[in-house]
């Protein structure tokens, strides 16, 4: 079908690090009313991710939610928090959390924050560029490095990275760039929640 062909083409763009072409193809699908699915959007997000176009990745998440795009993916492996902490998927999840919480608290209306998959508040993980391995190296470290000289307090990605850094420095101060603690979603939520808000956390 046209949908499958377009999605395959977008995936090819990701393999070739052509994020602009991927977004163009996705836009063509929407304008031509070709059926889009989460597969189309995830392929475009991957193209943006490999080119470190983080803000455009978040834009795609927002567009997908607003358009009520059906999720066609099936997760076949269990999600283990400590193994995934700091990885690309974890970064995306926490960046979206930062974006939502910043928007909600700006309205100054009391609310209850509920996290159904909270897990630990912090994870012990050296995040220095030369010492880390696995998911953290491909996720948080890569994002942190790309933003190192371009932090913007109005940007959700910057806010997420800065929240992790500030929490780590508060609980485990260090004079180097090494971070010994990585924030889980409860710690990130606590960074923005105020006394007038309540929180309920489940694992």
N, C-alpha and C. Protein backbone atom coordinates (compact mmCIF):
# COMPACT_ATOMS: atom_id res chain seq x y z
N UNK A 1 0.83 -1.19 0.00
CA UNK A 1 0.00 0.00 0.00
C UNK A 1 0.87 1.24 0.00
N UNK A 2 0.24 2.41 -0.26
CA UNK A 2 0.98 3.67 -0.24
C UNK A 2 1.56 3.96 1.14
N UNK A 3 0.81 3.58 2.17
CA UNK A 3 1.27 3.82 3.53
C UNK A 3 2.55 3.05 3.82
N UNK A 4 2.59 1.78 3.44
CA UNK A 4 3.77 0.94 3.67
C UNK A 4 4.95 1.45 2.86
N UNK A 5 4.68 1.83 1.59
CA UNK A 5 5.75 2.32 0.72
C UNK A 5 6.36 3.61 1.27
N UNK A 6 5.50 4.51 1.73
CA UNK A 6 6.00 5.77 2.29
C UNK A 6 6.80 5.51 3.57
N UNK A 7 6.30 4.64 4.42
CA UNK A 7 7.00 4.34 5.68
C UNK A 7 8.37 3.73 5.41
N UNK A 8 8.42 2.84 4.40
CA UNK A 8 9.70 2.23 4.03
C UNK A 8 10.68 3.28 3.51
N UNK A 9 10.15 4.23 2.74
CA UNK A 9 10.99 5.30 2.21
C UNK A 9 11.53 6.18 3.34
N UNK A 10 10.68 6.45 4.33
CA UNK A 10 11.12 7.26 5.48
C UNK A 10 12.21 6.52 6.25
N UNK A 11 12.06 5.21 6.41
CA UNK A 11 13.08 4.42 7.09
C UNK A 11 14.41 4.47 6.35
N UNK A 12 14.33 4.47 5.03
CA UNK A 12 15.55 4.57 4.21
C UNK A 12 16.24 5.91 4.45
N UNK A 13 15.45 6.95 4.59
CA UNK A 13 16.01 8.28 4.90
C UNK A 13 16.76 8.26 6.22
N UNK A 14 16.20 7.53 7.18
CA UNK A 14 16.86 7.44 8.48
C UNK A 14 18.21 6.75 8.35
N UNK A 15 18.27 5.68 7.54
CA UNK A 15 19.52 4.96 7.35
C UNK A 15 20.56 5.85 6.68
N UNK A 16 20.10 6.78 5.85
CA UNK A 16 21.01 7.68 5.15
C UNK A 16 21.21 9.01 5.83
N UNK A 17 20.69 9.13 7.08
CA UNK A 17 20.81 10.38 7.86
C UNK A 17 20.21 11.57 7.12
N UNK A 18 19.09 11.37 6.46
CA UNK A 18 18.42 12.42 5.69
C UNK A 18 17.13 12.83 6.41
N UNK A 19 17.26 13.55 7.51
CA UNK A 19 16.09 13.88 8.32
C UNK A 19 15.13 14.81 7.60
N UNK A 20 15.66 15.74 6.80
CA UNK A 20 14.78 16.67 6.08
C UNK A 20 13.91 15.94 5.06
N UNK A 21 14.51 14.98 4.36
CA UNK A 21 13.75 14.19 3.39
C UNK A 21 12.69 13.34 4.09
N UNK A 22 13.04 12.82 5.28
CA UNK A 22 12.08 12.02 6.05
C UNK A 22 10.86 12.85 6.43
N UNK A 23 11.10 14.08 6.91
CA UNK A 23 10.00 14.96 7.29
C UNK A 23 9.18 15.37 6.08
N UNK A 24 9.85 15.55 4.94
CA UNK A 24 9.14 15.90 3.71
C UNK A 24 8.20 14.77 3.30
N UNK A 25 8.68 13.55 3.36
CA UNK A 25 7.85 12.39 3.00
C UNK A 25 6.66 12.25 3.95
N UNK A 26 6.92 12.44 5.25
CA UNK A 26 5.82 12.34 6.22
C UNK A 26 4.80 13.44 5.96
N UNK A 27 5.28 14.64 5.67
CA UNK A 27 4.38 15.74 5.34
C UNK A 27 3.56 15.46 4.10
N UNK A 28 4.20 14.84 3.11
CA UNK A 28 3.49 14.47 1.88
C UNK A 28 2.37 13.48 2.17
N UNK A 29 2.64 12.54 3.08
CA UNK A 29 1.61 11.56 3.46
C UNK A 29 0.39 12.27 4.05
N UNK A 30 0.65 13.22 4.95
CA UNK A 30 -0.45 13.93 5.60
C UNK A 30 -1.22 14.77 4.59
N UNK A 31 -0.49 15.51 3.73
CA UNK A 31 -1.15 16.38 2.74
C UNK A 31 -1.93 15.59 1.70
N UNK A 32 -1.42 14.41 1.35
CA UNK A 32 -2.08 13.58 0.34
C UNK A 32 -3.12 12.65 0.95
N UNK A 33 -3.30 12.75 2.27
CA UNK A 33 -4.26 11.94 3.01
C UNK A 33 -3.96 10.44 2.90
N UNK A 34 -2.65 10.13 2.78
CA UNK A 34 -2.24 8.74 2.86
C UNK A 34 -2.24 8.35 4.33
N UNK A 35 -2.78 7.19 4.66
CA UNK A 35 -2.92 6.79 6.06
C UNK A 35 -1.56 6.73 6.75
N UNK A 36 -1.44 7.44 7.86
CA UNK A 36 -0.21 7.39 8.66
C UNK A 36 -0.44 6.54 9.90
N UNK A 37 0.64 5.97 10.40
CA UNK A 37 0.58 5.17 11.62
C UNK A 37 1.79 5.51 12.47
N UNK A 38 1.87 4.89 13.62
CA UNK A 38 3.02 5.13 14.50
C UNK A 38 4.32 4.70 13.82
N UNK A 39 4.23 3.72 12.92
CA UNK A 39 5.43 3.25 12.22
C UNK A 39 6.01 4.37 11.37
N UNK A 40 5.14 5.12 10.67
CA UNK A 40 5.59 6.24 9.85
C UNK A 40 6.27 7.30 10.71
N UNK A 41 5.62 7.63 11.83
CA UNK A 41 6.16 8.66 12.71
C UNK A 41 7.44 8.20 13.40
N UNK A 42 7.49 6.94 13.85
CA UNK A 42 8.68 6.44 14.51
C UNK A 42 9.88 6.44 13.56
N UNK A 43 9.63 6.12 12.29
CA UNK A 43 10.71 6.14 11.29
C UNK A 43 11.24 7.56 11.12
N UNK A 44 10.33 8.54 11.08
CA UNK A 44 10.74 9.93 10.96
C UNK A 44 11.48 10.39 12.21
N UNK A 45 11.00 9.95 13.38
CA UNK A 45 11.69 10.30 14.63
C UNK A 45 13.11 9.74 14.64
N UNK A 46 13.26 8.52 14.13
CA UNK A 46 14.58 7.90 14.10
C UNK A 46 15.52 8.69 13.20
N UNK A 47 14.99 9.16 12.06
CA UNK A 47 15.81 9.97 11.15
C UNK A 47 16.27 11.25 11.84
N UNK A 48 15.39 11.86 12.62
CA UNK A 48 15.75 13.08 13.35
C UNK A 48 16.75 12.76 14.47
N UNK A 49 16.54 11.62 15.12
CA UNK A 49 17.41 11.25 16.24
C UNK A 49 18.85 11.03 15.78
N UNK A 50 19.05 10.29 14.67
CA UNK A 50 20.41 10.00 14.22
C UNK A 50 21.13 11.27 13.77
N UNK A 51 20.36 12.30 13.42
CA UNK A 51 20.96 13.58 13.02
C UNK A 51 20.94 14.60 14.16
N UNK A 52 20.57 14.11 15.36
CA UNK A 52 20.55 14.95 16.57
C UNK A 52 19.61 16.14 16.44
N UNK A 53 18.50 15.93 15.74
CA UNK A 53 17.46 16.95 15.62
C UNK A 53 16.42 16.68 16.71
N UNK A 54 16.82 16.90 17.97
CA UNK A 54 16.00 16.49 19.10
C UNK A 54 14.69 17.26 19.19
N UNK A 55 14.71 18.56 18.95
CA UNK A 55 13.47 19.35 19.07
C UNK A 55 12.46 18.92 18.01
N UNK A 56 12.94 18.52 16.84
CA UNK A 56 12.02 18.05 15.79
C UNK A 56 11.42 16.70 16.16
N UNK A 57 12.18 15.90 16.90
CA UNK A 57 11.64 14.62 17.39
C UNK A 57 10.47 14.87 18.33
N UNK A 58 10.64 15.83 19.24
CA UNK A 58 9.55 16.18 20.15
C UNK A 58 8.35 16.74 19.40
N UNK A 59 8.60 17.53 18.35
CA UNK A 59 7.51 18.06 17.54
C UNK A 59 6.70 16.92 16.92
N UNK A 60 7.40 15.87 16.47
CA UNK A 60 6.71 14.72 15.87
C UNK A 60 5.86 13.99 16.89
N UNK A 61 6.37 13.89 18.13
CA UNK A 61 5.58 13.26 19.20
C UNK A 61 4.28 14.04 19.40
N UNK A 62 4.38 15.36 19.46
CA UNK A 62 3.21 16.21 19.65
C UNK A 62 2.23 16.05 18.50
N UNK A 63 2.75 16.06 17.26
CA UNK A 63 1.89 15.90 16.09
C UNK A 63 1.18 14.56 16.10
N UNK A 64 1.90 13.51 16.48
CA UNK A 64 1.32 12.17 16.49
C UNK A 64 0.19 12.08 17.51
N UNK A 65 0.41 12.69 18.69
CA UNK A 65 -0.63 12.68 19.72
C UNK A 65 -1.84 13.49 19.29
N UNK A 66 -1.59 14.70 18.74
CA UNK A 66 -2.69 15.57 18.31
C UNK A 66 -3.52 14.94 17.20
N UNK A 67 -2.85 14.19 16.32
CA UNK A 67 -3.55 13.57 15.20
C UNK A 67 -4.18 12.22 15.57
N UNK A 68 -3.99 11.79 16.82
CA UNK A 68 -4.51 10.50 17.30
C UNK A 68 -4.09 9.35 16.38
N UNK A 69 -2.82 9.34 16.04
CA UNK A 69 -2.28 8.32 15.15
C UNK A 69 -2.30 6.96 15.84
N UNK A 70 -2.84 5.92 15.19
CA UNK A 70 -2.91 4.60 15.82
C UNK A 70 -1.53 3.98 16.00
N UNK A 71 -1.34 3.31 17.13
CA UNK A 71 -0.07 2.65 17.42
C UNK A 71 -0.09 1.25 16.81
N UNK A 72 0.81 1.02 15.83
CA UNK A 72 0.85 -0.26 15.13
C UNK A 72 1.99 -1.14 15.62
N UNK A 73 2.71 -0.69 16.64
CA UNK A 73 3.87 -1.45 17.13
C UNK A 73 3.47 -2.38 18.26
N UNK A 74 4.25 -3.42 18.43
CA UNK A 74 4.04 -4.37 19.52
C UNK A 74 5.36 -4.55 20.24
N UNK A 75 5.37 -4.29 21.55
CA UNK A 75 6.58 -4.47 22.34
C UNK A 75 6.65 -5.92 22.79
N UNK A 76 7.69 -6.65 22.35
CA UNK A 76 7.79 -8.07 22.65
C UNK A 76 8.76 -8.37 23.80
N UNK A 77 9.51 -7.36 24.22
CA UNK A 77 10.48 -7.58 25.31
C UNK A 77 10.06 -6.79 26.55
N UNK A 78 10.30 -7.34 27.73
CA UNK A 78 9.94 -6.62 28.96
C UNK A 78 10.81 -5.38 29.11
N UNK A 79 10.21 -4.33 29.67
CA UNK A 79 10.95 -3.09 29.90
C UNK A 79 11.51 -3.14 31.31
N UNK A 80 12.83 -3.14 31.42
CA UNK A 80 13.49 -3.18 32.71
C UNK A 80 14.10 -1.81 32.98
N UNK A 81 13.61 -1.12 34.01
CA UNK A 81 14.01 0.27 34.23
C UNK A 81 15.51 0.47 34.33
N UNK A 82 16.19 -0.32 35.15
CA UNK A 82 17.60 -0.06 35.39
C UNK A 82 18.44 -0.33 34.15
N UNK A 83 17.97 -1.22 33.26
CA UNK A 83 18.70 -1.48 32.03
C UNK A 83 18.47 -0.38 30.99
N UNK A 84 17.30 0.21 31.02
CA UNK A 84 16.94 1.22 30.02
C UNK A 84 17.26 2.65 30.48
N UNK A 85 17.58 2.82 31.76
CA UNK A 85 17.80 4.16 32.29
C UNK A 85 18.87 4.91 31.50
N UNK A 86 18.49 6.09 31.02
CA UNK A 86 19.44 6.92 30.28
C UNK A 86 19.55 6.60 28.81
N UNK A 87 18.87 5.54 28.35
CA UNK A 87 18.91 5.18 26.94
C UNK A 87 18.06 6.09 26.08
N UNK A 88 18.11 5.94 24.74
CA UNK A 88 17.34 6.81 23.84
C UNK A 88 15.84 6.84 24.14
N UNK A 89 15.24 5.66 24.37
CA UNK A 89 13.80 5.62 24.65
C UNK A 89 13.49 6.31 25.98
N UNK A 90 14.36 6.12 26.97
CA UNK A 90 14.18 6.75 28.27
C UNK A 90 14.29 8.27 28.14
N UNK A 91 15.24 8.74 27.34
CA UNK A 91 15.41 10.18 27.11
C UNK A 91 14.16 10.78 26.47
N UNK A 92 13.62 10.09 25.48
CA UNK A 92 12.41 10.59 24.82
C UNK A 92 11.25 10.65 25.81
N UNK A 93 11.08 9.59 26.59
CA UNK A 93 10.00 9.54 27.59
C UNK A 93 10.14 10.68 28.60
N UNK A 94 11.34 10.90 29.09
CA UNK A 94 11.55 11.93 30.11
C UNK A 94 11.50 13.34 29.53
N UNK A 95 11.89 13.50 28.27
CA UNK A 95 11.78 14.81 27.64
C UNK A 95 10.31 15.19 27.47
N UNK A 96 9.49 14.21 27.10
CA UNK A 96 8.05 14.46 26.97
C UNK A 96 7.45 14.77 28.34
N UNK A 97 7.90 14.04 29.38
CA UNK A 97 7.44 14.31 30.75
C UNK A 97 7.79 15.74 31.15
N UNK A 98 9.01 16.16 30.86
CA UNK A 98 9.43 17.52 31.17
C UNK A 98 8.57 18.54 30.44
N UNK A 99 8.30 18.28 29.18
CA UNK A 99 7.49 19.19 28.38
C UNK A 99 6.08 19.33 28.96
N UNK A 100 5.48 18.21 29.34
CA UNK A 100 4.12 18.22 29.88
C UNK A 100 4.06 18.90 31.25
N UNK A 101 4.98 18.53 32.15
CA UNK A 101 4.95 19.11 33.50
C UNK A 101 5.22 20.61 33.47
N UNK A 102 6.14 21.05 32.64
CA UNK A 102 6.42 22.48 32.54
C UNK A 102 5.19 23.25 32.07
N UNK A 103 4.46 22.65 31.13
CA UNK A 103 3.26 23.31 30.62
C UNK A 103 2.15 23.33 31.66
N UNK A 104 1.98 22.20 32.39
CA UNK A 104 0.91 22.12 33.38
C UNK A 104 1.16 23.06 34.56
N UNK A 105 2.39 23.06 35.09
CA UNK A 105 2.65 23.90 36.27
C UNK A 105 2.61 25.39 35.92
N UNK A 106 2.82 25.72 34.65
CA UNK A 106 2.76 27.13 34.26
C UNK A 106 1.35 27.69 34.36
N UNK A 107 0.34 26.79 34.39
CA UNK A 107 -1.05 27.22 34.50
C UNK A 107 -1.45 27.51 35.94
N UNK A 108 -0.59 27.09 36.89
CA UNK A 108 -0.78 27.38 38.31
C UNK A 108 -2.12 26.86 38.84
N UNK A 109 -2.56 25.72 38.30
CA UNK A 109 -3.79 25.09 38.77
C UNK A 109 -3.43 23.79 39.49
N UNK A 110 -3.86 23.58 40.74
CA UNK A 110 -3.51 22.36 41.47
C UNK A 110 -3.91 21.10 40.70
N UNK A 111 -3.08 20.08 40.73
CA UNK A 111 -3.38 18.83 40.06
C UNK A 111 -2.70 17.69 40.79
N UNK A 112 -3.08 16.45 40.46
CA UNK A 112 -2.45 15.26 41.04
C UNK A 112 -1.64 14.56 39.95
N UNK A 113 -0.36 14.35 40.22
CA UNK A 113 0.52 13.67 39.29
C UNK A 113 0.50 12.17 39.63
N UNK A 114 0.17 11.32 38.65
CA UNK A 114 0.11 9.87 38.86
C UNK A 114 1.08 9.20 37.89
N UNK A 115 2.01 8.42 38.44
CA UNK A 115 2.99 7.70 37.63
C UNK A 115 2.76 6.21 37.86
N UNK A 116 2.31 5.51 36.82
CA UNK A 116 1.98 4.08 36.95
C UNK A 116 3.20 3.17 36.80
N UNK A 117 4.34 3.73 36.34
CA UNK A 117 5.56 2.94 36.16
C UNK A 117 6.75 3.73 36.71
N UNK A 118 6.68 4.06 37.99
CA UNK A 118 7.62 5.02 38.55
C UNK A 118 9.05 4.48 38.71
N UNK A 119 9.19 3.29 39.28
CA UNK A 119 10.51 2.71 39.57
C UNK A 119 11.31 3.60 40.50
N UNK A 120 12.63 3.58 40.39
CA UNK A 120 13.50 4.29 41.33
C UNK A 120 13.55 5.79 41.01
N UNK A 121 13.84 6.56 42.07
CA UNK A 121 14.00 8.00 41.86
C UNK A 121 15.33 8.32 41.20
N UNK A 122 16.37 7.55 41.58
CA UNK A 122 17.70 7.76 41.00
C UNK A 122 18.35 6.41 40.71
N UNK A 123 19.26 6.43 39.74
CA UNK A 123 20.04 5.25 39.39
C UNK A 123 21.53 5.61 39.47
N UNK A 124 22.31 4.72 40.07
CA UNK A 124 23.75 4.96 40.11
C UNK A 124 24.33 4.60 38.75
N UNK A 125 24.86 5.62 38.08
CA UNK A 125 25.39 5.38 36.74
C UNK A 125 26.39 6.46 36.39
N UNK A 126 27.68 6.13 36.20
CA UNK A 126 28.63 7.14 35.75
C UNK A 126 28.27 7.61 34.35
N UNK A 127 28.08 8.91 34.19
CA UNK A 127 27.64 9.44 32.91
C UNK A 127 28.73 10.20 32.17
N UNK A 128 29.98 10.08 32.63
CA UNK A 128 31.06 10.78 31.94
C UNK A 128 31.28 10.16 30.57
N UNK A 129 31.52 10.99 29.57
CA UNK A 129 31.62 10.54 28.19
C UNK A 129 32.61 9.39 27.98
N UNK A 130 33.72 9.38 28.76
CA UNK A 130 34.75 8.38 28.51
C UNK A 130 34.55 7.10 29.31
N UNK A 131 33.65 7.09 30.27
CA UNK A 131 33.54 5.93 31.15
C UNK A 131 32.23 5.17 30.99
N UNK A 132 31.27 5.75 30.32
CA UNK A 132 29.97 5.10 30.26
C UNK A 132 29.87 4.10 29.12
N UNK A 133 28.95 3.20 29.23
CA UNK A 133 28.75 2.20 28.19
C UNK A 133 27.26 1.98 28.00
N UNK A 134 26.92 1.25 26.93
CA UNK A 134 25.54 0.84 26.71
C UNK A 134 24.57 1.96 26.42
N UNK A 135 23.36 1.80 26.96
CA UNK A 135 22.27 2.71 26.65
C UNK A 135 22.57 4.16 26.99
N UNK A 136 23.20 4.41 28.12
CA UNK A 136 23.45 5.79 28.54
C UNK A 136 24.33 6.51 27.51
N UNK A 137 25.30 5.81 26.98
CA UNK A 137 26.20 6.43 25.99
C UNK A 137 25.44 6.83 24.74
N UNK A 138 24.51 6.00 24.32
CA UNK A 138 23.74 6.30 23.11
C UNK A 138 22.58 7.24 23.36
N UNK A 139 22.17 7.39 24.61
CA UNK A 139 21.03 8.23 24.93
C UNK A 139 21.39 9.54 25.60
N UNK A 140 21.42 9.53 26.93
CA UNK A 140 21.60 10.78 27.68
C UNK A 140 22.92 11.47 27.35
N UNK A 141 24.00 10.71 27.27
CA UNK A 141 25.30 11.33 27.01
C UNK A 141 25.32 12.02 25.65
N UNK A 142 24.75 11.37 24.66
CA UNK A 142 24.72 11.95 23.32
C UNK A 142 23.89 13.22 23.30
N UNK A 143 22.75 13.19 23.97
CA UNK A 143 21.89 14.37 24.05
C UNK A 143 22.58 15.49 24.81
N UNK A 144 23.19 15.13 25.94
CA UNK A 144 23.89 16.11 26.76
C UNK A 144 25.02 16.79 25.99
N UNK A 145 25.77 15.99 25.23
CA UNK A 145 26.88 16.53 24.45
C UNK A 145 26.39 17.48 23.37
N UNK A 146 25.28 17.13 22.72
CA UNK A 146 24.77 17.97 21.63
C UNK A 146 24.24 19.31 22.14
N UNK A 147 23.84 19.34 23.42
CA UNK A 147 23.28 20.58 23.99
C UNK A 147 24.29 21.35 24.84
N UNK A 148 25.49 20.83 24.99
CA UNK A 148 26.44 21.34 25.97
C UNK A 148 26.63 22.85 25.89
N UNK A 149 26.69 23.41 24.70
CA UNK A 149 26.94 24.86 24.54
C UNK A 149 25.69 25.61 24.10
N UNK A 150 24.55 24.93 24.08
CA UNK A 150 23.33 25.58 23.58
C UNK A 150 22.13 25.36 24.48
N UNK A 151 22.33 25.40 25.80
CA UNK A 151 21.22 25.20 26.71
C UNK A 151 20.26 26.39 26.65
N UNK A 152 18.99 26.06 26.64
CA UNK A 152 17.94 27.09 26.57
C UNK A 152 16.86 26.73 27.58
N UNK A 153 16.66 27.56 28.59
CA UNK A 153 15.70 27.26 29.65
C UNK A 153 14.27 27.12 29.14
N UNK A 154 13.97 27.66 27.95
CA UNK A 154 12.63 27.56 27.39
C UNK A 154 12.43 26.28 26.58
N UNK A 155 13.48 25.50 26.43
CA UNK A 155 13.43 24.28 25.62
C UNK A 155 13.27 23.06 26.52
N UNK A 156 12.33 22.17 26.19
CA UNK A 156 12.05 21.01 27.03
C UNK A 156 13.25 20.07 27.13
N UNK A 157 13.99 19.88 26.04
CA UNK A 157 15.15 19.00 26.07
C UNK A 157 16.23 19.55 27.00
N UNK A 158 16.47 20.85 26.89
CA UNK A 158 17.46 21.48 27.77
C UNK A 158 17.02 21.39 29.23
N UNK A 159 15.72 21.62 29.47
CA UNK A 159 15.19 21.57 30.83
C UNK A 159 15.36 20.17 31.43
N UNK A 160 15.14 19.15 30.64
CA UNK A 160 15.31 17.77 31.10
C UNK A 160 16.77 17.48 31.47
N UNK A 161 17.69 17.83 30.58
CA UNK A 161 19.11 17.57 30.84
C UNK A 161 19.60 18.36 32.05
N UNK A 162 19.19 19.62 32.13
CA UNK A 162 19.61 20.45 33.27
C UNK A 162 19.04 19.92 34.59
N UNK A 163 17.80 19.41 34.55
CA UNK A 163 17.19 18.85 35.77
C UNK A 163 17.99 17.65 36.27
N UNK A 164 18.40 16.79 35.35
CA UNK A 164 19.21 15.62 35.72
C UNK A 164 20.54 16.08 36.32
N UNK A 165 21.19 17.03 35.67
CA UNK A 165 22.49 17.51 36.14
C UNK A 165 22.39 18.17 37.51
N UNK A 166 21.38 19.02 37.69
CA UNK A 166 21.24 19.74 38.96
C UNK A 166 20.91 18.79 40.11
N UNK A 167 20.06 17.80 39.85
CA UNK A 167 19.71 16.84 40.90
C UNK A 167 20.94 16.03 41.30
N UNK A 168 21.72 15.60 40.31
CA UNK A 168 22.92 14.82 40.59
C UNK A 168 23.94 15.63 41.38
N UNK A 169 24.11 16.89 41.00
CA UNK A 169 25.07 17.75 41.70
C UNK A 169 24.62 18.06 43.12
N UNK A 170 23.31 18.12 43.34
CA UNK A 170 22.79 18.39 44.68
C UNK A 170 23.03 17.21 45.62
N UNK A 171 22.77 15.99 45.13
CA UNK A 171 22.87 14.80 45.98
C UNK A 171 24.26 14.19 45.99
N UNK A 172 25.01 14.36 44.90
CA UNK A 172 26.35 13.78 44.80
C UNK A 172 27.27 14.79 44.13
N UNK A 173 27.63 15.86 44.86
CA UNK A 173 28.44 16.94 44.26
C UNK A 173 29.78 16.44 43.73
N UNK A 174 30.19 16.99 42.61
CA UNK A 174 31.49 16.68 42.02
C UNK A 174 31.98 17.90 41.25
N UNK A 175 33.30 18.08 41.22
CA UNK A 175 33.85 19.22 40.52
C UNK A 175 34.07 18.93 39.04
N UNK A 176 34.01 17.67 38.66
CA UNK A 176 34.20 17.30 37.25
C UNK A 176 32.85 17.23 36.55
N UNK A 177 32.87 16.84 35.28
CA UNK A 177 31.63 16.71 34.51
C UNK A 177 30.95 15.37 34.74
N UNK A 178 31.57 14.52 35.57
CA UNK A 178 31.00 13.21 35.85
C UNK A 178 29.73 13.33 36.69
N UNK A 179 28.69 12.61 36.29
CA UNK A 179 27.45 12.55 37.07
C UNK A 179 27.32 11.13 37.61
N UNK A 180 27.20 11.01 38.92
CA UNK A 180 27.12 9.69 39.54
C UNK A 180 25.68 9.21 39.73
N UNK A 181 24.72 10.09 39.51
CA UNK A 181 23.32 9.72 39.65
C UNK A 181 22.55 10.15 38.42
N UNK A 182 21.65 9.28 37.98
CA UNK A 182 20.76 9.60 36.86
C UNK A 182 19.33 9.61 37.38
N UNK A 183 18.58 10.65 37.07
CA UNK A 183 17.22 10.81 37.61
C UNK A 183 16.21 9.91 36.91
N UNK A 184 15.41 9.20 37.72
CA UNK A 184 14.26 8.49 37.19
C UNK A 184 13.08 9.44 37.13
N UNK A 185 11.94 8.98 36.65
CA UNK A 185 10.79 9.87 36.49
C UNK A 185 10.29 10.46 37.81
N UNK A 186 10.35 9.75 38.98
CA UNK A 186 9.91 10.39 40.23
C UNK A 186 10.76 11.61 40.58
N UNK A 187 12.08 11.50 40.38
CA UNK A 187 12.96 12.64 40.69
C UNK A 187 12.73 13.79 39.73
N UNK A 188 12.51 13.46 38.46
CA UNK A 188 12.24 14.52 37.49
C UNK A 188 10.93 15.23 37.81
N UNK A 189 9.90 14.47 38.17
CA UNK A 189 8.62 15.07 38.52
C UNK A 189 8.78 15.98 39.74
N UNK A 190 9.55 15.51 40.74
CA UNK A 190 9.76 16.30 41.95
C UNK A 190 10.47 17.62 41.65
N UNK A 191 11.23 17.64 40.56
CA UNK A 191 11.94 18.86 40.18
C UNK A 191 10.97 19.99 39.85
N UNK A 192 9.79 19.63 39.31
CA UNK A 192 8.82 20.66 38.89
C UNK A 192 7.59 20.77 39.80
N UNK A 193 7.28 19.69 40.52
CA UNK A 193 6.09 19.73 41.37
C UNK A 193 6.29 20.69 42.54
N UNK A 194 5.22 21.34 42.95
CA UNK A 194 5.25 22.30 44.05
C UNK A 194 4.38 21.79 45.21
N UNK A 195 4.47 22.40 46.39
CA UNK A 195 3.73 21.90 47.56
C UNK A 195 2.22 21.79 47.34
N UNK A 196 1.65 22.62 46.47
CA UNK A 196 0.20 22.59 46.26
C UNK A 196 -0.23 21.40 45.36
N UNK A 197 0.74 20.69 44.80
CA UNK A 197 0.43 19.55 43.96
C UNK A 197 0.60 18.26 44.76
N UNK A 198 -0.07 17.20 44.33
CA UNK A 198 0.10 15.90 44.98
C UNK A 198 0.61 14.90 43.94
N UNK A 199 1.23 13.83 44.43
CA UNK A 199 1.78 12.82 43.53
C UNK A 199 1.47 11.43 44.07
N UNK A 200 1.13 10.51 43.16
CA UNK A 200 0.90 9.11 43.50
C UNK A 200 1.78 8.30 42.57
N UNK A 201 2.66 7.47 43.16
CA UNK A 201 3.63 6.71 42.36
C UNK A 201 3.40 5.20 42.52
N UNK A 202 3.40 4.49 41.40
CA UNK A 202 3.24 3.03 41.40
C UNK A 202 4.42 2.41 40.63
N UNK A 203 4.73 1.16 40.95
CA UNK A 203 5.72 0.41 40.18
C UNK A 203 5.02 -0.80 39.57
